[in-house]
Amino acid sequence: MKHTSYVNGVSVVMTLLVLSVGVNALQAQKIRALTITGRSAVSVVGRPVMSISGASLAGQPAMVTLQGRLPTVIYHFSSSCGWCDRNWDNLEAVAEAARGRYRVIAVSAEQGLKAYAEHRALSVEVIEQLNPAAERLLNLTGTPKTIIVGADGIVTHEWPGAYTNRVARQVEELFDIHLPGLSPAGSPSEAR
């Protein structure tokens, strides 16, 4: 009788172990799918974004209306982000290729970015002191991050990170361009 109880107990433990491994495998598959598609766990694709606000580089209030205009490429950056510095040539290439078809703006929660933008000779519109509500709405928790908002005000694409590998290929395909690649680490793109 004791032996039967032991065998039954082992059978229950083994069954639970197999079920646990199965559940973990399914969860890992879901996580891999998120990574492969480029979506974060909190994707903003499909979210409506009618406008965002902040300040111009001159320190004046700035409201960017996203609905009813050209689609907008929003590039989220910070002045201390090395990947952002290395990615500026790519964003400038996107801005050049998108001219007349998309509006391209760079946004940051920081303030006092005029010297930063001038030092890098940025041609894109820069909005600083981005409204915290817009940061939450667009899930701007890291830099760099690129988001495209359609003319209808709905987010159509998002790419966290610099334009490397899969992200670079997707950006090149969307804008029908060849990106110049990342600037070398430690030497942000300055000469234009």
Protein backbone atom coordinates (compact mmCIF):
# COMPACT_ATOMS: atom_id res chain seq x y z
CA MET A 1 0.00 0.00 0.00
CA LYS A 2 2.85 2.35 0.90
CA HIS A 3 4.51 1.65 -2.44
CA THR A 4 1.31 2.56 -4.37
CA SER A 5 1.02 5.89 -2.52
CA TYR A 6 4.63 6.67 -3.33
CA VAL A 7 4.14 5.85 -7.03
CA ASN A 8 0.96 7.94 -7.16
CA GLY A 9 2.77 10.84 -5.49
CA VAL A 10 5.63 10.63 -7.98
CA SER A 11 3.12 10.49 -10.85
CA VAL A 12 1.42 13.66 -9.62
CA VAL A 13 4.75 15.48 -9.23
CA MET A 14 5.88 14.38 -12.71
CA THR A 15 2.56 15.47 -14.23
CA LEU A 16 2.87 18.90 -12.59
CA LEU A 17 6.47 19.20 -13.74
CA VAL A 18 5.51 18.39 -17.35
CA LEU A 19 2.66 20.90 -17.23
CA SER A 20 4.95 23.56 -15.79
CA VAL A 21 7.55 23.01 -18.52
CA GLY A 22 4.79 23.20 -21.13
CA VAL A 23 3.45 26.49 -19.79
CA ASN A 24 6.97 27.94 -19.66
CA ALA A 25 7.60 26.86 -23.26
CA LEU A 26 4.39 28.58 -24.40
CA GLN A 27 5.32 31.78 -22.57
CA ALA A 28 8.82 31.72 -24.10
CA GLN A 29 7.26 31.31 -27.55
CA LYS A 30 5.04 34.36 -26.96
CA ILE A 31 8.02 36.44 -25.84
CA ARG A 32 10.05 35.35 -28.87
CA ALA A 33 7.16 36.32 -31.14
CA LEU A 34 7.11 39.80 -29.62
CA THR A 35 10.85 40.17 -30.23
CA ILE A 36 10.66 38.89 -33.78
CA THR A 37 7.85 41.24 -34.79
CA GLY A 38 9.61 44.21 -33.19
CA ARG A 39 6.76 44.91 -30.84
CA SER A 40 7.37 45.66 -27.24
CA ALA A 41 5.07 44.19 -24.63
CA VAL A 42 3.32 47.57 -24.63
CA SER A 43 2.96 48.39 -28.31
CA VAL A 44 1.51 51.73 -29.33
CA VAL A 45 0.71 50.63 -32.89
CA GLY A 46 -2.97 51.34 -33.50
CA ARG A 47 -3.14 53.99 -30.77
CA PRO A 48 -4.65 57.39 -31.69
CA VAL A 49 -2.36 60.40 -31.16
CA MET A 50 -3.91 63.65 -32.35
CA SER A 51 -1.24 66.04 -31.07
CA ILE A 52 1.77 66.35 -28.81
CA SER A 53 3.10 69.39 -27.05
CA GLY A 54 6.35 70.68 -25.65
CA ALA A 55 8.60 73.64 -26.40
CA SER A 56 10.50 74.83 -29.44
CA LEU A 57 14.27 75.19 -29.23
CA ALA A 58 13.62 78.89 -28.66
CA GLY A 59 11.74 77.94 -25.49
CA GLN A 60 8.30 78.84 -26.86
CA PRO A 61 5.30 76.53 -26.38
CA ALA A 62 4.92 74.15 -29.32
CA MET A 63 1.88 72.09 -30.25
CA VAL A 64 2.35 69.51 -33.00
CA THR A 65 -0.92 68.47 -34.64
CA LEU A 66 -0.62 64.97 -36.05
CA GLN A 67 -4.09 64.38 -37.47
CA GLY A 68 -5.06 65.75 -40.88
CA ARG A 69 -1.52 66.45 -42.04
CA LEU A 70 1.22 64.39 -43.58
CA PRO A 71 2.15 61.25 -41.67
CA THR A 72 4.70 62.11 -38.98
CA VAL A 73 7.93 60.38 -38.02
CA ILE A 74 8.61 61.00 -34.32
CA TYR A 75 12.15 60.27 -33.16
CA HIS A 76 12.52 60.15 -29.37
CA PHE A 77 16.06 60.92 -28.15
CA SER A 78 18.09 62.24 -25.25
CA SER A 79 21.33 64.22 -25.34
CA SER A 80 23.09 61.63 -23.18
CA CYS A 81 22.10 58.65 -25.36
CA GLY A 82 25.11 57.27 -27.25
CA TRP A 83 22.90 55.27 -29.62
CA CYS A 84 20.93 58.43 -30.43
CA ASP A 85 24.18 60.24 -31.33
CA ARG A 86 25.30 57.35 -33.51
CA ASN A 87 21.88 57.21 -35.24
CA TRP A 88 21.51 60.88 -36.33
CA ASP A 89 22.90 60.31 -39.86
CA ASN A 90 20.26 57.60 -40.34
CA LEU A 91 17.46 59.89 -39.14
CA GLU A 92 18.70 62.70 -41.40
CA ALA A 93 18.65 60.23 -44.34
CA VAL A 94 15.05 59.34 -43.45
CA ALA A 95 14.15 63.05 -43.26
CA GLU A 96 15.68 63.66 -46.69
CA ALA A 97 13.95 60.66 -48.28
CA ALA A 98 10.64 61.48 -46.58
CA ARG A 99 10.57 65.14 -47.59
CA GLY A 100 7.14 66.02 -48.93
CA ARG A 101 5.67 62.67 -47.86
CA TYR A 102 6.26 62.75 -44.06
CA ARG A 103 6.91 65.33 -41.41
CA VAL A 104 9.96 64.36 -39.31
CA ILE A 105 10.38 65.65 -35.76
CA ALA A 106 12.74 64.77 -32.93
CA VAL A 107 11.33 64.92 -29.41
CA SER A 108 12.90 64.89 -25.96
CA ALA A 109 11.81 65.42 -22.38
CA GLU A 110 14.96 67.48 -21.81
CA GLN A 111 15.22 71.24 -22.10
CA GLY A 112 17.99 73.51 -23.33
CA LEU A 113 18.75 71.44 -26.44
CA LYS A 114 19.41 74.35 -28.82
CA ALA A 115 23.22 74.05 -28.58
CA TYR A 116 22.96 70.26 -28.91
CA ALA A 117 20.89 70.57 -32.11
CA GLU A 118 23.17 73.27 -33.55
CA HIS A 119 26.32 71.27 -32.73
CA ARG A 120 24.93 68.33 -34.69
CA ALA A 121 23.52 70.56 -37.46
CA LEU A 122 20.15 68.85 -37.19
CA SER A 123 17.79 69.62 -40.05
CA VAL A 124 14.74 68.11 -38.36
CA GLU A 125 12.34 70.02 -36.15
CA VAL A 126 13.15 69.46 -32.46
CA ILE A 127 10.55 69.60 -29.69
CA GLU A 128 11.99 69.66 -26.19
CA GLN A 129 10.26 69.44 -22.81
CA LEU A 130 7.84 66.94 -24.30
CA ASN A 131 4.62 66.82 -22.33
CA PRO A 132 4.68 63.84 -19.89
CA ALA A 133 1.19 62.84 -21.07
CA ALA A 134 2.55 62.43 -24.62
CA GLU A 135 5.47 60.39 -23.28
CA ARG A 136 3.04 58.04 -21.56
CA LEU A 137 0.70 57.86 -24.54
CA LEU A 138 3.58 56.93 -26.88
CA ASN A 139 5.29 54.69 -24.30
CA LEU A 140 8.52 56.67 -24.60
CA THR A 141 10.44 54.91 -21.86
CA GLY A 142 13.77 54.55 -23.65
CA THR A 143 15.86 56.22 -26.31
CA PRO A 144 16.08 56.11 -29.20
CA LYS A 145 12.62 55.15 -30.35
CA THR A 146 10.97 55.91 -33.68
CA ILE A 147 7.20 56.09 -34.10
CA ILE A 148 5.20 56.83 -37.22
CA VAL A 149 1.78 58.41 -36.88
CA GLY A 150 -0.44 58.32 -39.96
CA ALA A 151 -2.29 61.36 -41.29
CA ASP A 152 -5.36 59.98 -39.51
CA GLY A 153 -3.58 60.31 -36.13
CA ILE A 154 -3.13 56.55 -35.66
CA VAL A 155 0.31 55.05 -34.87
CA THR A 156 1.30 52.75 -37.75
CA HIS A 157 4.89 51.76 -36.87
CA GLU A 158 7.26 51.77 -33.91
CA TRP A 159 10.90 50.82 -33.64
CA PRO A 160 12.75 50.89 -30.33
CA GLY A 161 16.49 51.34 -30.65
CA ALA A 162 18.94 52.58 -33.23
CA TYR A 163 18.62 51.62 -36.89
CA THR A 164 20.51 48.33 -36.89
CA ASN A 165 19.78 44.90 -38.36
CA ARG A 166 16.02 44.23 -38.59
CA VAL A 167 15.05 47.81 -37.73
CA ALA A 168 17.37 49.23 -40.40
CA ARG A 169 15.92 46.87 -43.02
CA GLN A 170 12.35 47.82 -42.11
CA VAL A 171 13.12 51.56 -42.17
CA GLU A 172 14.94 51.22 -45.51
CA GLU A 173 12.03 49.30 -46.99
CA LEU A 174 9.39 51.75 -45.76
CA PHE A 175 11.23 54.84 -47.02
CA ASP A 176 12.83 53.14 -50.06
CA ILE A 177 16.31 54.28 -49.09
CA HIS A 178 19.70 52.91 -48.12
CA LEU A 179 20.71 54.12 -44.66
CA PRO A 180 24.28 55.32 -44.14
CA GLY A 181 24.61 53.25 -40.96
CA LEU A 182 25.60 54.21 -37.44
CA SER A 183 28.36 56.71 -36.77
CA PRO A 184 31.30 55.21 -34.88
CA ALA A 185 30.94 55.10 -31.09
CA GLY A 186 32.46 58.09 -29.35
CA SER A 187 32.31 60.32 -32.41
CA PRO A 188 28.78 61.60 -32.89
CA SER A 189 27.86 62.73 -36.34
CA GLU A 190 28.74 66.39 -36.43
CA ALA A 191 29.85 67.29 -39.92
CA ARG A 192 27.07 67.64 -42.43
